Amino acid sequence: MAAIESVTKETSCCSHSSCCAPQEPIVRDKPKVGRNDPCPCGNGRKFKKCCGKNR
């Protein structure tokens, strides 16, 4: 049981900012598409009824 606990502690090092590199923020090329906005594929339907349906 002690071996499992030591592995868990090693893999959870990201809770300490001193040992892990800082993550870069996500930067979008285009503005975020809302659920009720027109679909960017050009279908004319709302995003939630078109391409967002499979997400």
C-alpha atoms as a PDB file:
ATOM      1  CA  MET A   1       0.000   0.000   0.000  1.00  0.00           C
ATOM      2  CA  ALA A   2       2.923   2.366   0.684  1.00  0.00           C
ATOM      3  CA  ALA A   3       4.158   1.959  -2.899  1.00  0.00           C
ATOM      4  CA  ILE A   4       0.807   3.125  -4.286  1.00  0.00           C
ATOM      5  CA  GLU A   5       0.790   6.187  -2.056  1.00  0.00           C
ATOM      6  CA  SER A   6       4.316   7.196  -3.116  1.00  0.00           C
ATOM      7  CA  VAL A   7       3.382   6.955  -6.799  1.00  0.00           C
ATOM      8  CA  THR A   8       0.296   9.088  -6.225  1.00  0.00           C
ATOM      9  CA  LYS A   9       2.350  11.772  -4.509  1.00  0.00           C
ATOM     10  CA  GLU A  10       4.871  11.823  -7.377  1.00  0.00           C
ATOM     11  CA  THR A  11       2.228  12.233 -10.088  1.00  0.00           C
ATOM     12  CA  SER A  12       0.434  15.018  -8.247  1.00  0.00           C
ATOM     13  CA  CYS A  13       3.404  17.414  -8.340  1.00  0.00           C
ATOM     14  CA  CYS A  14       1.450  19.938 -10.421  1.00  0.00           C
ATOM     15  CA  SER A  15      -0.293  21.227  -7.311  1.00  0.00           C
ATOM     16  CA  HIS A  16       2.990  22.963  -6.451  1.00  0.00           C
ATOM     17  CA  SER A  17       3.889  25.853  -8.738  1.00  0.00           C
ATOM     18  CA  SER A  18       7.600  25.596  -7.917  1.00  0.00           C
ATOM     19  CA  CYS A  19       8.151  22.266  -9.714  1.00  0.00           C
ATOM     20  CA  CYS A  20       6.012  22.719 -12.840  1.00  0.00           C
ATOM     21  CA  ALA A  21       6.270  25.194 -15.688  1.00  0.00           C
ATOM     22  CA  PRO A  22       3.453  27.781 -15.855  1.00  0.00           C
ATOM     23  CA  GLN A  23       0.760  27.029 -18.419  1.00  0.00           C
ATOM     24  CA  GLU A  24       0.200  29.484 -21.243  1.00  0.00           C
ATOM     25  CA  PRO A  25      -3.341  30.848 -21.712  1.00  0.00           C
ATOM     26  CA  ILE A  26      -5.387  29.675 -24.689  1.00  0.00           C
ATOM     27  CA  VAL A  27      -5.523  32.287 -27.451  1.00  0.00           C
ATOM     28  CA  ARG A  28      -8.275  31.957 -30.093  1.00  0.00           C
ATOM     29  CA  ASP A  29      -7.824  33.107 -33.695  1.00  0.00           C
ATOM     30  CA  LYS A  30     -11.525  33.882 -34.035  1.00  0.00           C
ATOM     31  CA  PRO A  31     -14.078  34.958 -31.413  1.00  0.00           C
ATOM     32  CA  LYS A  32     -15.781  32.199 -29.434  1.00  0.00           C
ATOM     33  CA  VAL A  33     -18.994  30.891 -30.982  1.00  0.00           C
ATOM     34  CA  GLY A  34     -21.958  30.927 -28.603  1.00  0.00           C
ATOM     35  CA  ARG A  35     -24.653  28.259 -28.611  1.00  0.00           C
ATOM     36  CA  ASN A  36     -27.288  30.607 -30.060  1.00  0.00           C
ATOM     37  CA  ASP A  37     -25.001  32.268 -32.622  1.00  0.00           C
ATOM     38  CA  PRO A  38     -25.202  31.311 -36.315  1.00  0.00           C
ATOM     39  CA  CYS A  39     -23.021  28.327 -37.151  1.00  0.00           C
ATOM     40  CA  PRO A  40     -19.652  29.279 -38.658  1.00  0.00           C
ATOM     41  CA  CYS A  41     -19.979  26.535 -41.303  1.00  0.00           C
ATOM     42  CA  GLY A  42     -22.460  28.753 -43.177  1.00  0.00           C
ATOM     43  CA  ASN A  43     -25.450  26.443 -42.875  1.00  0.00           C
ATOM     44  CA  GLY A  44     -27.676  29.196 -41.476  1.00  0.00           C
ATOM     45  CA  ARG A  45     -28.731  27.166 -38.465  1.00  0.00           C
ATOM     46  CA  LYS A  46     -27.821  27.924 -34.879  1.00  0.00           C
ATOM     47  CA  PHE A  47     -24.546  26.438 -33.669  1.00  0.00           C
ATOM     48  CA  LYS A  48     -26.322  24.270 -31.069  1.00  0.00           C
ATOM     49  CA  LYS A  49     -28.466  22.645 -33.788  1.00  0.00           C
ATOM     50  CA  CYS A  50     -25.648  22.210 -36.329  1.00  0.00           C
ATOM     51  CA  CYS A  51     -21.948  21.608 -35.533  1.00  0.00           C
ATOM     52  CA  GLY A  52     -22.363  22.038 -31.768  1.00  0.00           C
ATOM     53  CA  LYS A  53     -24.796  19.127 -31.588  1.00  0.00           C
ATOM     54  CA  ASN A  54     -21.958  16.561 -31.561  1.00  0.00           C
ATOM     55  CA  ARG A  55     -19.988  18.237 -28.765  1.00  0.00           C
END
